[in-house]
Amino acid sequence: MALISVDRERGLLTVEFQGLDKLWTFKSRLEIPLAHVRGATHDPGMAREPKGIRVGGTHFPGVITAGRFRRDGERLFWDVKNPDKAVVVELADAETYDRLVIEVDDPRATVALVERSVARD
């Protein structure tokens, strides 16, 4: 599982991986500039779609998907064990990933946080 937070002063969305997820993803955190974040959705169905080619990380079907994957030219970062808690963060012009698929404790609150943070006037 991961914790997603937003630092408006620094203009960053931060994803902190908890417990063994650091091991499975080969990461302890990701920092994404808010300017690159397009939005977020609660999408349990995403976890049932093909993952693509694992570039680095862990994948045991039906158990865990974690780390970097490529699918149809898209760069994805996964950290999901429970698909019902999956949130998809869409990125634009990002250097490393096109989408983050992250398991969080409260998907609705996380989506609301991201959407408020990227709302453009």
Protein backbone atom coordinates (compact mmCIF):
# COMPACT_ATOMS: atom_id res chain seq x y z
CA MET A 1 0.00 0.00 0.00
CA ALA A 2 1.07 3.59 -0.51
CA LEU A 3 0.36 7.02 0.93
CA ILE A 4 -0.23 9.82 -1.56
CA SER A 5 0.29 13.39 -0.43
CA VAL A 6 0.50 16.80 -2.08
CA ASP A 7 2.93 19.60 -1.25
CA ARG A 8 1.55 22.70 -2.97
CA GLU A 9 4.49 24.87 -1.92
CA ARG A 10 6.97 22.58 -3.65
CA GLY A 11 4.46 21.66 -6.37
CA LEU A 12 4.85 17.92 -5.83
CA LEU A 13 2.67 14.85 -5.58
CA THR A 14 4.48 12.30 -3.41
CA VAL A 15 3.83 8.58 -3.27
CA GLU A 16 5.37 6.89 -0.18
CA PHE A 17 5.47 3.10 -0.27
CA GLN A 18 4.80 1.32 3.00
CA GLY A 19 6.31 -1.85 4.47
CA LEU A 20 7.27 -4.59 2.05
CA ASP A 21 5.92 -2.58 -0.89
CA LYS A 22 9.31 -0.82 -0.88
CA LEU A 23 10.89 -4.19 -1.62
CA TRP A 24 8.34 -5.26 -4.26
CA THR A 25 8.47 -1.95 -6.17
CA PHE A 26 12.22 -1.31 -5.73
CA LYS A 27 11.23 2.21 -4.60
CA SER A 28 10.57 3.94 -1.30
CA ARG A 29 8.90 6.99 -2.86
CA LEU A 30 8.03 8.77 -6.07
CA GLU A 31 7.87 12.53 -6.46
CA ILE A 32 5.90 13.87 -9.42
CA PRO A 33 5.62 17.59 -10.26
CA LEU A 34 1.97 18.68 -10.00
CA ALA A 35 2.33 20.28 -13.42
CA HIS A 36 2.58 16.73 -14.86
CA VAL A 37 -0.47 15.35 -13.01
CA ARG A 38 -3.64 15.33 -15.16
CA GLY A 39 -5.96 13.70 -12.63
CA ALA A 40 -6.88 10.53 -10.78
CA THR A 41 -9.65 7.95 -10.82
CA HIS A 42 -10.68 5.05 -8.61
CA ASP A 43 -10.44 2.19 -11.09
CA PRO A 44 -10.59 -1.35 -9.67
CA GLY A 45 -10.97 -2.73 -13.20
CA MET A 46 -7.54 -1.49 -14.23
CA ALA A 47 -5.93 -4.19 -12.10
CA ARG A 48 -7.67 -6.85 -14.20
CA GLU A 49 -6.27 -5.55 -17.50
CA PRO A 50 -3.05 -6.90 -19.04
CA LYS A 51 -0.01 -5.49 -17.27
CA GLY A 52 2.39 -5.49 -20.19
CA ILE A 53 6.07 -6.29 -19.95
CA ARG A 54 7.68 -6.07 -16.51
CA VAL A 55 10.71 -3.80 -16.65
CA GLY A 56 11.54 -3.93 -12.94
CA GLY A 57 9.53 -5.10 -9.98
CA THR A 58 7.29 -7.98 -8.96
CA HIS A 59 4.28 -9.69 -10.53
CA PHE A 60 2.48 -12.69 -9.09
CA PRO A 61 -0.92 -12.86 -10.87
CA GLY A 62 -3.80 -12.50 -8.42
CA VAL A 63 -1.40 -11.61 -5.58
CA ILE A 64 0.66 -8.49 -6.35
CA THR A 65 1.71 -6.25 -9.20
CA ALA A 66 4.47 -3.82 -8.27
CA GLY A 67 7.13 -1.87 -10.14
CA ARG A 68 7.66 -0.65 -13.69
CA PHE A 69 5.81 -2.07 -16.71
CA ARG A 70 5.49 -1.19 -20.41
CA ARG A 71 2.29 -1.77 -22.36
CA ASP A 72 1.58 -0.54 -25.89
CA GLY A 73 4.29 2.12 -25.58
CA GLU A 74 2.91 3.35 -22.27
CA ARG A 75 5.09 3.45 -19.14
CA LEU A 76 3.20 2.31 -16.05
CA PHE A 77 4.12 2.10 -12.40
CA TRP A 78 2.14 -0.39 -10.29
CA ASP A 79 1.74 -1.09 -6.60
CA VAL A 80 -1.46 -3.12 -6.20
CA LYS A 81 -2.44 -6.14 -4.14
CA ASN A 82 -6.13 -5.35 -3.61
CA PRO A 83 -7.70 -4.13 -6.90
CA ASP A 84 -10.70 -2.66 -5.04
CA LYS A 85 -8.38 0.01 -3.63
CA ALA A 86 -6.59 0.86 -6.89
CA VAL A 87 -6.27 4.50 -7.90
CA VAL A 88 -4.97 5.46 -11.33
CA VAL A 89 -3.04 8.74 -11.53
CA GLU A 90 -2.78 10.04 -15.10
CA LEU A 91 0.40 11.91 -15.98
CA ALA A 92 1.28 14.15 -18.92
CA ASP A 93 4.71 15.19 -20.13
CA ALA A 94 6.25 13.16 -17.30
CA GLU A 95 9.78 11.94 -17.84
CA THR A 96 9.40 8.52 -16.26
CA TYR A 97 5.76 7.30 -16.23
CA ASP A 98 2.50 7.83 -18.11
CA ARG A 99 0.31 6.34 -15.36
CA LEU A 100 0.62 5.28 -11.75
CA VAL A 101 -1.64 2.45 -10.57
CA ILE A 102 -1.43 2.58 -6.78
CA GLU A 103 -3.28 0.84 -3.96
CA VAL A 104 -4.31 3.29 -1.24
CA ASP A 105 -6.24 2.95 2.00
CA ASP A 106 -9.07 5.32 0.99
CA PRO A 107 -9.45 5.60 -2.81
CA ARG A 108 -12.20 8.25 -2.72
CA ALA A 109 -10.23 10.57 -0.45
CA THR A 110 -7.08 10.09 -2.52
CA VAL A 111 -8.86 10.88 -5.79
CA ALA A 112 -10.42 13.99 -4.21
CA LEU A 113 -7.01 15.14 -2.94
CA VAL A 114 -5.39 14.76 -6.35
CA GLU A 115 -8.28 16.36 -8.20
CA ARG A 116 -8.31 19.39 -5.86
CA SER A 117 -4.56 19.75 -6.27
CA VAL A 118 -4.57 19.75 -10.05
CA ALA A 119 -7.74 21.81 -10.55
CA ARG A 120 -6.94 24.62 -12.96
CA ASP A 121 -8.68 27.97 -12.71
